[in-house]
Amino acid sequence: MITPFLDEKYLNLETYRKNGQAVRTPVWFVVDNGIIYVATPSTTGKVKRLTHSKNIRIVPSNMKGIPKGNWVDATAYFANEFESSQVIKLRKKKYGIMAKLIGLSVYRKGKPVVIGIKI
C-alpha cells in the first residue's frame, strides 16, 4: 500500500473536523520503516483535528493537492521525540534547501509536530 507514495514529493492529507467534515491539505512527507511522516507547525488546523480523530485518508498528489492515485484509509499518531528528530533530518535530505527555507519561515508559527501515518 505504501508503494504509490515512494517516488512522490506531495501527498494530500484528509483530516476531519468534529462535525465530520473533511479537510484536505497537500503536504510534504517522508517515508521511513514503512511509516509515512509529515512535519507541521503545532498551531496548524490538522494538528487540532488529529486530536479529535486519528482516522485519515491520504493520496499521492501534486503540490496543489490534485490526486495522482486512489485515496487510502490510514491512521495517524503524533511521533515521539526520537522519531521526530529522524524525520526532520530525512525531510532536509529529501527536500534540500527548500526544507531549510520553509523551516525558517513556517516554524515561527509554532514548534514542529511530526505526524506518523500507518496504512
N, C-alpha and C. Protein backbone atom coordinates (compact mmCIF):
# COMPACT_ATOMS: atom_id res chain seq x y z
N MET A 1 0.80 -1.21 0.00
CA MET A 1 0.00 0.00 0.00
C MET A 1 0.84 1.27 0.00
N ILE A 2 2.07 1.20 0.51
CA ILE A 2 2.91 2.39 0.60
C ILE A 2 3.62 2.70 -0.72
N THR A 3 3.71 1.73 -1.60
CA THR A 3 4.44 1.86 -2.86
C THR A 3 4.06 3.10 -3.68
N PRO A 4 2.78 3.45 -3.85
CA PRO A 4 2.45 4.62 -4.67
C PRO A 4 3.03 5.94 -4.14
N PHE A 5 3.45 5.97 -2.89
CA PHE A 5 3.96 7.20 -2.28
C PHE A 5 5.48 7.34 -2.38
N LEU A 6 6.18 6.26 -2.65
CA LEU A 6 7.63 6.24 -2.53
C LEU A 6 8.36 7.26 -3.40
N ASP A 7 7.94 7.49 -4.61
CA ASP A 7 8.64 8.41 -5.50
C ASP A 7 7.97 9.78 -5.62
N GLU A 8 7.08 10.08 -4.71
CA GLU A 8 6.32 11.33 -4.77
C GLU A 8 6.89 12.37 -3.80
N LYS A 9 6.60 13.64 -4.07
CA LYS A 9 7.02 14.73 -3.18
C LYS A 9 5.88 15.24 -2.31
N TYR A 10 4.63 15.01 -2.74
CA TYR A 10 3.47 15.53 -2.02
C TYR A 10 2.44 14.43 -1.81
N LEU A 11 1.71 14.58 -0.73
CA LEU A 11 0.50 13.77 -0.55
C LEU A 11 -0.59 14.70 -0.08
N ASN A 12 -1.82 14.33 -0.36
CA ASN A 12 -2.97 15.08 0.10
C ASN A 12 -3.46 14.37 1.35
N LEU A 13 -3.49 15.09 2.45
CA LEU A 13 -3.87 14.57 3.75
C LEU A 13 -5.28 15.02 4.08
N GLU A 14 -6.17 14.06 4.28
CA GLU A 14 -7.56 14.38 4.63
C GLU A 14 -7.78 14.08 6.11
N THR A 15 -8.04 15.15 6.87
CA THR A 15 -8.38 15.03 8.29
C THR A 15 -9.82 15.48 8.47
N TYR A 16 -10.36 15.28 9.67
CA TYR A 16 -11.79 15.54 9.87
C TYR A 16 -12.06 16.45 11.06
N ARG A 17 -12.96 17.39 10.83
CA ARG A 17 -13.42 18.27 11.91
C ARG A 17 -14.33 17.48 12.84
N LYS A 18 -14.64 18.08 13.99
CA LYS A 18 -15.53 17.42 14.96
C LYS A 18 -16.87 17.05 14.34
N ASN A 19 -17.35 17.88 13.40
CA ASN A 19 -18.65 17.60 12.77
C ASN A 19 -18.55 16.59 11.63
N GLY A 20 -17.34 16.04 11.41
CA GLY A 20 -17.15 15.03 10.37
C GLY A 20 -16.77 15.58 9.01
N GLN A 21 -16.75 16.89 8.85
CA GLN A 21 -16.40 17.49 7.57
C GLN A 21 -14.92 17.26 7.28
N ALA A 22 -14.63 16.79 6.07
CA ALA A 22 -13.25 16.51 5.66
C ALA A 22 -12.53 17.80 5.27
N VAL A 23 -11.26 17.86 5.63
CA VAL A 23 -10.39 18.98 5.24
C VAL A 23 -9.15 18.36 4.58
N ARG A 24 -8.89 18.75 3.35
CA ARG A 24 -7.77 18.20 2.60
C ARG A 24 -6.63 19.22 2.51
N THR A 25 -5.40 18.73 2.76
CA THR A 25 -4.24 19.59 2.76
C THR A 25 -3.07 18.90 2.06
N PRO A 26 -2.53 19.48 0.98
CA PRO A 26 -1.33 18.91 0.37
C PRO A 26 -0.12 19.20 1.25
N VAL A 27 0.70 18.19 1.50
CA VAL A 27 1.86 18.33 2.39
C VAL A 27 3.07 17.57 1.85
N TRP A 28 4.25 18.01 2.28
CA TRP A 28 5.48 17.24 2.06
C TRP A 28 5.46 16.07 3.01
N PHE A 29 6.20 15.03 2.69
CA PHE A 29 6.27 13.86 3.56
C PHE A 29 7.56 13.09 3.31
N VAL A 30 7.90 12.24 4.25
CA VAL A 30 8.99 11.28 4.07
C VAL A 30 8.48 9.92 4.51
N VAL A 31 9.16 8.88 4.04
CA VAL A 31 8.82 7.52 4.41
C VAL A 31 10.03 6.91 5.12
N ASP A 32 9.79 6.28 6.25
CA ASP A 32 10.86 5.60 6.99
C ASP A 32 10.28 4.37 7.66
N ASN A 33 10.90 3.23 7.41
CA ASN A 33 10.47 1.95 8.01
C ASN A 33 8.98 1.68 7.81
N GLY A 34 8.48 1.98 6.61
CA GLY A 34 7.09 1.67 6.28
C GLY A 34 6.06 2.63 6.84
N ILE A 35 6.52 3.70 7.45
CA ILE A 35 5.61 4.71 8.01
C ILE A 35 5.82 6.01 7.24
N ILE A 36 4.73 6.68 6.93
CA ILE A 36 4.79 7.99 6.27
C ILE A 36 4.76 9.04 7.38
N TYR A 37 5.64 10.05 7.23
CA TYR A 37 5.71 11.11 8.23
C TYR A 37 5.49 12.48 7.60
N VAL A 38 4.77 13.32 8.32
CA VAL A 38 4.52 14.70 7.91
C VAL A 38 4.92 15.60 9.08
N ALA A 39 5.69 16.65 8.79
CA ALA A 39 6.03 17.63 9.83
C ALA A 39 5.22 18.89 9.57
N THR A 40 4.71 19.48 10.64
CA THR A 40 3.86 20.66 10.51
C THR A 40 3.96 21.48 11.80
N PRO A 41 3.75 22.79 11.74
CA PRO A 41 3.76 23.57 12.98
C PRO A 41 2.63 23.11 13.93
N SER A 42 2.91 23.21 15.21
CA SER A 42 1.94 22.76 16.22
C SER A 42 0.64 23.54 16.20
N THR A 43 0.64 24.71 15.60
CA THR A 43 -0.54 25.58 15.60
C THR A 43 -1.48 25.35 14.41
N THR A 44 -1.17 24.40 13.55
CA THR A 44 -2.00 24.19 12.35
C THR A 44 -3.31 23.47 12.68
N GLY A 45 -4.27 23.66 11.81
CA GLY A 45 -5.57 23.01 11.97
C GLY A 45 -5.49 21.50 11.94
N LYS A 46 -4.60 20.96 11.12
CA LYS A 46 -4.52 19.49 11.03
C LYS A 46 -4.10 18.88 12.37
N VAL A 47 -3.25 19.56 13.12
CA VAL A 47 -2.86 19.07 14.44
C VAL A 47 -4.08 19.06 15.36
N LYS A 48 -4.84 20.14 15.34
CA LYS A 48 -6.06 20.24 16.16
C LYS A 48 -7.06 19.14 15.77
N ARG A 49 -7.26 18.95 14.46
CA ARG A 49 -8.22 17.94 14.01
C ARG A 49 -7.77 16.53 14.39
N LEU A 50 -6.46 16.27 14.38
CA LEU A 50 -5.97 14.94 14.73
C LEU A 50 -6.11 14.62 16.21
N THR A 51 -6.28 15.64 17.04
CA THR A 51 -6.52 15.36 18.45
C THR A 51 -7.94 14.82 18.67
N HIS A 52 -8.82 15.07 17.69
CA HIS A 52 -10.20 14.58 17.77
C HIS A 52 -10.38 13.23 17.08
N SER A 53 -9.68 13.03 15.98
CA SER A 53 -9.83 11.78 15.23
C SER A 53 -8.51 11.43 14.56
N LYS A 54 -8.04 10.22 14.80
CA LYS A 54 -6.80 9.73 14.20
C LYS A 54 -7.05 9.05 12.86
N ASN A 55 -8.32 8.91 12.49
CA ASN A 55 -8.65 8.31 11.20
C ASN A 55 -8.48 9.36 10.10
N ILE A 56 -7.71 9.00 9.08
CA ILE A 56 -7.43 9.93 7.99
C ILE A 56 -7.49 9.18 6.66
N ARG A 57 -7.36 9.94 5.58
CA ARG A 57 -7.16 9.36 4.25
C ARG A 57 -6.03 10.13 3.59
N ILE A 58 -5.26 9.41 2.75
CA ILE A 58 -4.16 10.05 2.03
C ILE A 58 -4.15 9.57 0.59
N VAL A 59 -3.54 10.40 -0.27
CA VAL A 59 -3.39 10.05 -1.68
C VAL A 59 -2.14 10.78 -2.19
N PRO A 60 -1.32 10.14 -3.03
CA PRO A 60 -0.23 10.89 -3.65
C PRO A 60 -0.85 12.03 -4.47
N SER A 61 -0.19 13.19 -4.47
CA SER A 61 -0.77 14.34 -5.18
C SER A 61 0.32 15.25 -5.71
N ASN A 62 -0.12 16.28 -6.44
CA ASN A 62 0.82 17.33 -6.83
C ASN A 62 0.79 18.39 -5.73
N MET A 63 1.55 19.48 -5.92
CA MET A 63 1.63 20.49 -4.86
C MET A 63 0.31 21.22 -4.61
N LYS A 64 -0.62 21.14 -5.55
CA LYS A 64 -1.93 21.76 -5.38
C LYS A 64 -2.95 20.81 -4.75
N GLY A 65 -2.53 19.56 -4.49
CA GLY A 65 -3.41 18.59 -3.86
C GLY A 65 -4.22 17.76 -4.83
N ILE A 66 -3.95 17.90 -6.13
CA ILE A 66 -4.69 17.10 -7.11
C ILE A 66 -4.20 15.67 -7.05
N PRO A 67 -5.10 14.71 -6.76
CA PRO A 67 -4.70 13.32 -6.59
C PRO A 67 -4.02 12.71 -7.81
N LYS A 68 -3.04 11.85 -7.53
CA LYS A 68 -2.32 11.10 -8.56
C LYS A 68 -2.60 9.60 -8.43
N GLY A 69 -3.63 9.25 -7.72
CA GLY A 69 -3.95 7.85 -7.49
C GLY A 69 -5.23 7.73 -6.71
N ASN A 70 -5.34 6.65 -5.96
CA ASN A 70 -6.53 6.38 -5.16
C ASN A 70 -6.31 6.75 -3.70
N TRP A 71 -7.37 7.24 -3.07
CA TRP A 71 -7.33 7.55 -1.64
C TRP A 71 -7.16 6.26 -0.85
N VAL A 72 -6.41 6.35 0.23
CA VAL A 72 -6.12 5.20 1.09
C VAL A 72 -6.50 5.57 2.52
N ASP A 73 -7.23 4.68 3.20
CA ASP A 73 -7.53 4.88 4.62
C ASP A 73 -6.27 4.63 5.44
N ALA A 74 -6.07 5.44 6.46
CA ALA A 74 -4.88 5.31 7.30
C ALA A 74 -5.19 5.81 8.70
N THR A 75 -4.21 5.60 9.59
CA THR A 75 -4.32 6.05 10.97
C THR A 75 -3.11 6.92 11.30
N ALA A 76 -3.36 8.05 11.92
CA ALA A 76 -2.28 8.97 12.28
C ALA A 76 -1.99 8.91 13.77
N TYR A 77 -0.77 9.27 14.11
CA TYR A 77 -0.38 9.41 15.52
C TYR A 77 0.69 10.48 15.61
N PHE A 78 0.90 11.02 16.79
CA PHE A 78 1.95 12.01 16.99
C PHE A 78 3.24 11.28 17.34
N ALA A 79 4.28 11.53 16.56
CA ALA A 79 5.56 10.83 16.72
C ALA A 79 6.26 11.25 18.01
N ASN A 80 7.07 10.34 18.53
CA ASN A 80 7.85 10.66 19.72
C ASN A 80 9.07 11.52 19.33
N GLU A 81 9.83 11.94 20.32
CA GLU A 81 10.95 12.84 20.10
C GLU A 81 12.02 12.23 19.19
N PHE A 82 12.33 10.96 19.39
CA PHE A 82 13.35 10.30 18.56
C PHE A 82 12.90 10.24 17.10
N GLU A 83 11.67 9.76 16.89
CA GLU A 83 11.14 9.70 15.52
C GLU A 83 11.16 11.09 14.88
N SER A 84 10.74 12.09 15.63
CA SER A 84 10.65 13.45 15.11
C SER A 84 12.01 13.96 14.64
N SER A 85 13.05 13.74 15.43
CA SER A 85 14.37 14.22 15.02
C SER A 85 14.85 13.51 13.77
N GLN A 86 14.56 12.22 13.64
CA GLN A 86 14.93 11.47 12.44
C GLN A 86 14.18 12.00 11.22
N VAL A 87 12.91 12.26 11.39
CA VAL A 87 12.07 12.74 10.29
C VAL A 87 12.54 14.10 9.79
N ILE A 88 12.89 14.99 10.69
CA ILE A 88 13.36 16.31 10.28
C ILE A 88 14.64 16.17 9.44
N LYS A 89 15.53 15.27 9.83
CA LYS A 89 16.75 15.01 9.05
C LYS A 89 16.41 14.46 7.67
N LEU A 90 15.50 13.49 7.62
CA LEU A 90 15.09 12.89 6.34
C LEU A 90 14.43 13.93 5.43
N ARG A 91 13.64 14.80 6.04
CA ARG A 91 12.97 15.82 5.24
C ARG A 91 13.98 16.80 4.64
N LYS A 92 14.97 17.17 5.41
CA LYS A 92 16.02 18.07 4.89
C LYS A 92 16.77 17.40 3.74
N LYS A 93 17.00 16.11 3.87
CA LYS A 93 17.70 15.37 2.81
C LYS A 93 16.84 15.29 1.54
N LYS A 94 15.54 15.01 1.70
CA LYS A 94 14.65 14.84 0.56
C LYS A 94 14.36 16.17 -0.15
N TYR A 95 14.11 17.22 0.61
CA TYR A 95 13.67 18.50 0.03
C TYR A 95 14.76 19.56 -0.04
N GLY A 96 15.94 19.28 0.50
CA GLY A 96 17.10 20.15 0.36
C GLY A 96 16.90 21.56 0.89
N ILE A 97 17.39 22.51 0.12
CA ILE A 97 17.37 23.92 0.53
C ILE A 97 15.95 24.43 0.76
N MET A 98 14.99 23.90 0.02
CA MET A 98 13.60 24.33 0.21
C MET A 98 13.12 23.99 1.63
N ALA A 99 13.52 22.84 2.15
CA ALA A 99 13.12 22.46 3.51
C ALA A 99 13.69 23.44 4.53
N LYS A 100 14.92 23.86 4.31
CA LYS A 100 15.54 24.82 5.23
C LYS A 100 14.84 26.17 5.16
N LEU A 101 14.55 26.63 3.95
CA LEU A 101 13.88 27.93 3.80
C LEU A 101 12.47 27.91 4.39
N ILE A 102 11.74 26.85 4.09
CA ILE A 102 10.38 26.72 4.62
C ILE A 102 10.43 26.62 6.15
N GLY A 103 11.37 25.86 6.64
CA GLY A 103 11.52 25.71 8.09
C GLY A 103 11.73 27.03 8.80
N LEU A 104 12.52 27.90 8.21
CA LEU A 104 12.79 29.20 8.82
C LEU A 104 11.53 30.05 8.94
N SER A 105 10.69 30.03 7.92
CA SER A 105 9.50 30.88 7.94
C SER A 105 8.31 30.21 8.61
N VAL A 106 8.06 28.96 8.29
CA VAL A 106 6.86 28.28 8.78
C VAL A 106 6.92 28.00 10.28
N TYR A 107 8.07 27.57 10.78
CA TYR A 107 8.11 27.16 12.18
C TYR A 107 8.19 28.31 13.16
N ARG A 108 8.14 29.53 12.67
CA ARG A 108 7.94 30.67 13.56
C ARG A 108 6.53 30.63 14.13
N LYS A 109 5.64 29.93 13.43
CA LYS A 109 4.24 29.83 13.83
C LYS A 109 4.02 28.83 14.96
N GLY A 110 5.01 28.01 15.23
CA GLY A 110 4.86 27.00 16.28
C GLY A 110 5.91 25.93 16.14
N LYS A 111 6.17 25.24 17.23
CA LYS A 111 7.15 24.15 17.23
C LYS A 111 6.69 23.06 16.26
N PRO A 112 7.63 22.45 15.52
CA PRO A 112 7.21 21.39 14.60
C PRO A 112 6.65 20.17 15.34
N VAL A 113 5.57 19.65 14.79
CA VAL A 113 4.98 18.41 15.27
C VAL A 113 5.11 17.42 14.12
N VAL A 114 5.52 16.20 14.44
CA VAL A 114 5.64 15.18 13.41
C VAL A 114 4.49 14.20 13.57
N ILE A 115 3.80 13.98 12.46
CA ILE A 115 2.66 13.07 12.43
C ILE A 115 3.09 11.81 11.69
N GLY A 116 2.93 10.68 12.36
CA GLY A 116 3.20 9.39 11.73
C GLY A 116 1.90 8.86 11.13
N ILE A 117 2.01 8.26 9.95
CA ILE A 117 0.83 7.73 9.27
C ILE A 117 1.05 6.26 8.94
N LYS A 118 0.17 5.43 9.47
CA LYS A 118 0.23 3.99 9.21
C LYS A 118 -0.93 3.60 8.30
N ILE A 119 -0.57 2.94 7.20
CA ILE A 119 -1.59 2.49 6.26
C ILE A 119 -2.05 1.10 6.66
